Amino acid sequence: MEWFKKAREGIISQKKKDIPEGLWTKCPRCSDIIYVRQLEENLSTCPNCDYHFRIKSSDYLKLILDEGELEERDQGLISGDPLQFKDSKKYPDRIKSARKNTGLNDAVVCGIGKIDGRTVSIAVMDFAFIGGSMGSVVGEKIARTIERAIQMQIPLLIVSCTGGARMQEGILSLMQMAKTSALLAQLDDLRLPYISVLTNPTTAGVMASYASLGDVIIAEPGALLGFAGQRVIKQTIRQDLPEGFQSSEFFQEHGFLDKIVHRRDLKKTISLFLDYFSNDLQGSA
């Protein structure tokens, strides 16, 4: 016997239409299905639960700077291979692949821009480039960003998004922690303001150096912050850890963070702090 060979009279059989890819995405926190265009219009934050999706360095520049305009500096710096490192692929091949996929030469973009008319020296990290990891080039570009703030006597702004120091460069990447921290001490001696913005995630060597040394430290809601991973910490101290202890909310509650700022309010908040610093410097002149 042949089953369902003929369509019932009056019923038209149609093939299920394929839904084009890339039109919808799922929120990792609330599992809400979001129309991608709606997500973009909402600054890549979930309209249901306010979860902040990760965005590119270019998106932050558009969001923070006047007209999104950056006078980019040091864009030609590219990592070498000082340790002849190889894991699943050679380090130069990994760099080449990251450059092709992101259009960046390394994991940070830096230069000079304006925020509500005020000139700042700015650096923005990009997680898409090998997890936003800090190698020699990232450390050097951050250092030069600080030096420009010192030379031009202008505020410094760094937006961090990173998994930490880059293992392919070993001790050379860890040296960037000391180099950038020493320059920030010089910036502090000159009483030039530094605002540090922490996004999801900001961890390890970056968190242990320049990301946590701001005069004001602000973070996006729900950002993963910390030095080591939860499993490593638990195995080391052999104690149960508080729920959400590596979130920006936990950090603020325990005094390690000054303010949690929604992405839509980021530029306004940074501008307000710059005004405070400007008034303080004028008052002490």
Protein backbone atom coordinates (compact mmCIF):
# COMPACT_ATOMS: atom_id res chain seq x y z
CA MET A 1 0.00 0.00 0.00
CA GLU A 2 1.29 3.46 -0.87
CA TRP A 3 0.86 5.93 1.93
CA PHE A 4 -0.01 9.61 1.29
CA LYS A 5 0.84 9.42 -2.40
CA LYS A 6 -1.84 11.88 -3.42
CA ALA A 7 -2.59 15.19 -1.80
CA ARG A 8 -6.07 15.54 -0.44
CA GLU A 9 -8.38 17.45 -2.70
CA GLY A 10 -8.42 21.17 -1.98
CA ILE A 11 -5.14 21.12 -0.04
CA ILE A 12 -2.09 22.58 -1.77
CA SER A 13 1.22 21.10 -0.68
CA GLN A 14 4.06 23.64 -0.40
CA LYS A 15 7.70 23.18 0.48
CA LYS A 16 8.82 24.84 3.70
CA LYS A 17 10.70 28.02 2.86
CA ASP A 18 14.20 28.32 4.28
CA ILE A 19 14.74 31.22 6.67
CA PRO A 20 17.79 33.24 5.60
CA GLU A 21 20.70 33.03 8.03
CA GLY A 22 21.79 36.05 9.99
CA LEU A 23 18.34 37.62 10.46
CA TRP A 24 17.85 36.47 14.04
CA THR A 25 20.04 35.80 17.05
CA LYS A 26 19.51 34.34 20.50
CA CYS A 27 20.28 36.19 23.71
CA PRO A 28 22.76 34.16 25.81
CA ARG A 29 21.17 35.36 29.05
CA CYS A 30 17.38 35.24 28.59
CA SER A 31 17.24 33.07 25.41
CA ASP A 32 15.01 35.63 23.72
CA ILE A 33 15.09 35.48 19.92
CA ILE A 34 16.02 38.92 18.62
CA TYR A 35 15.77 40.38 15.13
CA VAL A 36 19.36 41.38 14.26
CA ARG A 37 18.34 44.78 12.92
CA GLN A 38 16.48 45.51 16.16
CA LEU A 39 19.56 44.43 18.12
CA GLU A 40 21.78 46.81 16.14
CA GLU A 41 19.36 49.69 16.64
CA ASN A 42 19.51 48.94 20.38
CA LEU A 43 23.35 49.27 20.41
CA SER A 44 23.73 45.48 20.51
CA THR A 45 21.94 45.16 23.84
CA CYS A 46 19.05 42.76 24.41
CA PRO A 47 15.71 44.65 24.42
CA ASN A 48 14.34 42.10 26.89
CA CYS A 49 17.05 41.70 29.57
CA ASP A 50 19.66 44.38 28.64
CA TYR A 51 22.41 41.80 28.04
CA HIS A 52 25.32 43.57 26.35
CA PHE A 53 26.50 41.68 23.28
CA ARG A 54 30.18 42.03 22.44
CA ILE A 55 30.87 44.67 19.78
CA LYS A 56 33.90 45.64 17.69
CA SER A 57 36.42 48.35 18.46
CA SER A 58 35.07 50.37 15.52
CA ASP A 59 31.60 50.27 17.11
CA TYR A 60 32.93 51.72 20.36
CA LEU A 61 34.72 54.47 18.47
CA LYS A 62 31.46 55.40 16.70
CA LEU A 63 29.64 55.29 20.01
CA ILE A 64 32.09 57.37 22.06
CA LEU A 65 33.81 59.86 19.74
CA ASP A 66 32.26 62.92 18.13
CA GLU A 67 31.10 61.87 14.65
CA GLY A 68 32.93 58.59 15.34
CA GLU A 69 36.09 60.22 13.99
CA LEU A 70 39.51 58.95 15.08
CA GLU A 71 42.93 60.18 13.99
CA GLU A 72 44.41 56.71 14.12
CA ARG A 73 48.04 56.30 15.12
CA ASP A 74 50.53 53.41 15.08
CA GLN A 75 48.30 51.25 12.88
CA GLY A 76 51.30 49.82 11.03
CA LEU A 77 52.72 47.91 14.02
CA ILE A 78 52.58 44.12 13.51
CA SER A 79 53.68 41.34 15.86
CA GLY A 80 56.84 39.38 15.13
CA ASP A 81 57.53 35.83 16.28
CA PRO A 82 60.29 36.23 18.90
CA LEU A 83 59.79 32.78 20.46
CA GLN A 84 59.18 30.82 17.24
CA PHE A 85 55.94 29.71 18.88
CA LYS A 86 53.72 26.96 17.50
CA ASP A 87 50.62 25.33 18.97
CA SER A 88 47.92 24.04 16.62
CA LYS A 89 49.39 26.47 14.08
CA LYS A 90 52.41 28.72 13.79
CA TYR A 91 52.11 32.09 15.50
CA PRO A 92 52.73 34.10 12.29
CA ASP A 93 49.94 32.11 10.62
CA ARG A 94 47.62 32.89 13.53
CA ILE A 95 48.45 36.59 13.25
CA LYS A 96 47.89 36.49 9.49
CA SER A 97 44.51 34.80 9.92
CA ALA A 98 43.41 37.30 12.58
CA ARG A 99 44.44 40.22 10.38
CA LYS A 100 42.44 38.81 7.48
CA ASN A 101 39.33 38.10 9.57
CA THR A 102 39.22 41.40 11.45
CA GLY A 103 40.85 43.93 9.12
CA LEU A 104 43.06 44.96 12.07
CA ASN A 105 46.81 44.59 12.49
CA ASP A 106 46.49 43.75 16.18
CA ALA A 107 44.08 43.71 19.10
CA VAL A 108 43.93 47.44 19.84
CA VAL A 109 43.09 50.57 17.87
CA CYS A 110 44.46 53.88 19.15
CA GLY A 111 44.72 57.53 18.26
CA ILE A 112 43.32 60.99 18.98
CA GLY A 113 39.64 61.87 19.06
CA LYS A 114 37.13 64.23 20.63
CA ILE A 115 34.34 63.66 23.12
CA ASP A 116 31.86 66.54 23.16
CA GLY A 117 34.60 68.75 21.79
CA ARG A 118 37.25 67.68 24.31
CA THR A 119 40.40 66.12 22.81
CA VAL A 120 41.42 62.74 24.27
CA SER A 121 44.08 60.12 23.66
CA ILE A 122 42.13 56.88 23.21
CA ALA A 123 42.77 53.16 22.81
CA VAL A 124 40.06 50.53 22.22
CA MET A 125 40.76 46.80 22.39
CA ASP A 126 39.06 44.28 20.08
CA PHE A 127 38.29 40.74 21.31
CA ALA A 128 37.93 39.44 17.76
CA PHE A 129 41.72 39.64 17.31
CA ILE A 130 43.05 36.55 19.15
CA GLY A 131 40.78 37.15 22.12
CA GLY A 132 41.90 40.75 22.50
CA SER A 133 45.15 39.40 23.92
CA MET A 134 48.01 41.70 24.91
CA GLY A 135 51.31 41.02 23.17
CA SER A 136 54.24 43.31 22.48
CA VAL A 137 52.35 45.33 19.87
CA VAL A 138 49.30 45.90 22.08
CA GLY A 139 51.55 46.90 24.98
CA GLU A 140 53.53 49.27 22.76
CA LYS A 141 50.40 50.87 21.31
CA ILE A 142 48.91 51.34 24.78
CA ALA A 143 52.23 52.84 25.93
CA ARG A 144 52.26 55.27 23.01
CA THR A 145 48.65 56.19 23.73
CA ILE A 146 49.64 57.12 27.28
CA GLU A 147 52.71 59.01 26.03
CA ARG A 148 50.53 61.07 23.65
CA ALA A 149 48.31 62.03 26.57
CA ILE A 150 51.41 63.16 28.46
CA GLN A 151 52.94 65.04 25.52
CA MET A 152 49.69 66.76 24.54
CA GLN A 153 48.51 67.27 28.14
CA ILE A 154 45.12 65.70 27.41
CA PRO A 155 42.94 63.06 29.12
CA LEU A 156 43.47 59.34 28.49
CA LEU A 157 40.69 56.85 27.75
CA ILE A 158 41.20 53.09 27.36
CA VAL A 159 38.38 50.66 26.56
CA SER A 160 39.43 47.11 27.47
CA CYS A 161 38.03 43.86 26.08
CA THR A 162 40.52 41.05 26.52
CA GLY A 163 41.41 37.59 27.70
CA GLY A 164 44.73 38.89 29.02
CA ALA A 165 48.39 38.55 28.03
CA ARG A 166 49.23 36.66 24.82
CA MET A 167 50.82 33.29 25.61
CA GLN A 168 52.56 33.09 22.21
CA GLU A 169 54.92 35.85 23.32
CA GLY A 170 55.54 34.53 26.83
CA ILE A 171 57.44 36.83 29.17
CA LEU A 172 57.54 39.56 26.50
CA SER A 173 53.77 39.98 26.80
CA LEU A 174 53.94 40.03 30.61
CA MET A 175 56.55 42.81 30.44
CA GLN A 176 53.88 45.05 28.92
CA MET A 177 52.12 45.12 32.30
CA ALA A 178 55.07 46.88 33.94
CA LYS A 179 55.73 49.16 30.98
CA THR A 180 52.19 50.50 30.76
CA SER A 181 51.82 50.78 34.55
CA ALA A 182 55.02 52.84 34.82
CA LEU A 183 53.78 55.27 32.18
CA LEU A 184 50.44 55.59 33.97
CA ALA A 185 52.37 56.59 37.09
CA GLN A 186 53.94 59.42 35.07
CA LEU A 187 50.49 60.44 33.85
CA ASP A 188 49.26 60.49 37.44
CA ASP A 189 52.22 62.64 38.56
CA LEU A 190 51.13 65.24 35.98
CA ARG A 191 47.53 65.03 37.27
CA LEU A 192 46.21 64.14 33.84
CA PRO A 193 42.94 62.16 34.03
CA TYR A 194 42.66 58.53 32.96
CA ILE A 195 39.27 56.88 32.50
CA SER A 196 39.27 53.09 32.18
CA VAL A 197 36.25 51.37 30.62
CA LEU A 198 35.87 47.62 31.24
CA THR A 199 33.78 45.53 28.86
CA ASN A 200 33.01 41.82 28.62
CA PRO A 201 35.50 40.27 29.26
CA THR A 202 38.40 42.11 30.90
CA THR A 203 40.69 39.61 32.57
CA ALA A 204 44.20 38.40 33.46
CA GLY A 205 47.28 40.52 32.65
CA VAL A 206 45.33 43.50 31.31
CA MET A 207 43.04 43.54 34.34
CA ALA A 208 46.11 43.29 36.57
CA SER A 209 47.72 46.33 34.95
CA TYR A 210 46.36 49.31 33.04
CA ALA A 211 42.68 48.32 33.09
CA SER A 212 42.52 48.64 36.88
CA LEU A 213 44.62 51.80 37.25
CA GLY A 214 42.14 54.43 36.09
CA ASP A 215 41.29 57.52 38.09
CA VAL A 216 37.75 56.45 37.30
CA ILE A 217 36.91 52.85 36.41
CA ILE A 218 33.56 52.16 34.78
CA ALA A 219 32.16 48.96 33.31
CA GLU A 220 29.28 47.74 31.22
CA PRO A 221 26.54 45.74 32.99
CA GLY A 222 27.21 42.04 33.44
CA ALA A 223 30.82 42.19 32.23
CA LEU A 224 33.14 39.33 33.19
CA LEU A 225 36.01 40.86 35.17
CA GLY A 226 38.90 39.34 37.08
CA PHE A 227 42.38 37.88 36.92
CA ALA A 228 42.23 34.06 36.87
CA GLY A 229 39.32 31.85 35.90
CA GLN A 230 36.79 30.61 38.45
CA ARG A 231 38.02 26.99 38.36
CA VAL A 232 41.66 28.01 38.91
CA ILE A 233 40.75 30.25 41.86
CA LYS A 234 38.58 27.58 43.46
CA GLN A 235 41.30 24.94 43.14
CA THR A 236 43.89 27.33 44.55
CA ILE A 237 42.06 28.61 47.64
CA ARG A 238 39.97 25.42 48.07
CA GLN A 239 36.84 27.36 48.94
CA ASP A 240 33.45 27.81 47.35
CA LEU A 241 33.13 31.12 45.54
CA PRO A 242 30.24 33.61 45.77
CA GLU A 243 27.79 33.54 42.90
CA GLY A 244 28.60 36.12 40.26
CA PHE A 245 31.84 37.13 41.99
CA GLN A 246 33.50 38.02 38.67
CA SER A 247 30.71 40.27 37.42
CA SER A 248 30.88 44.05 37.20
CA GLU A 249 27.99 44.22 39.71
CA PHE A 250 30.01 42.25 42.29
CA PHE A 251 33.07 44.42 41.64
CA GLN A 252 31.09 47.62 42.23
CA GLU A 253 29.51 46.24 45.39
CA HIS A 254 32.97 45.52 46.81
CA GLY A 255 34.54 48.84 45.88
CA PHE A 256 36.68 47.83 42.88
CA LEU A 257 34.53 49.71 40.40
CA ASP A 258 33.23 53.27 40.42
CA LYS A 259 30.20 52.99 38.16
CA ILE A 260 28.28 50.57 35.94
CA VAL A 261 27.13 52.28 32.76
CA HIS A 262 24.70 51.09 30.10
CA ARG A 263 26.15 51.33 26.62
CA ARG A 264 23.64 53.99 25.57
CA ASP A 265 24.95 56.25 28.38
CA LEU A 266 28.64 55.57 27.88
CA LYS A 267 29.61 58.72 25.99
CA LYS A 268 27.50 60.96 28.23
CA THR A 269 29.06 59.48 31.37
CA ILE A 270 32.64 59.73 30.08
CA SER A 271 32.01 63.33 29.03
CA LEU A 272 30.64 64.14 32.49
CA PHE A 273 33.73 62.73 34.20
CA LEU A 274 35.97 64.70 31.85
CA ASP A 275 34.11 67.85 32.88
CA TYR A 276 34.65 67.02 36.56
CA PHE A 277 38.39 66.49 36.00
CA SER A 278 38.64 69.70 33.99
CA ASN A 279 36.97 71.74 36.72
CA ASP A 280 39.23 70.17 39.36
CA LEU A 281 42.39 71.00 37.41
CA GLN A 282 41.24 74.58 36.78
CA GLY A 283 40.43 75.02 40.43
CA SER A 284 43.88 73.89 41.54
CA ALA A 285 45.77 75.96 38.93
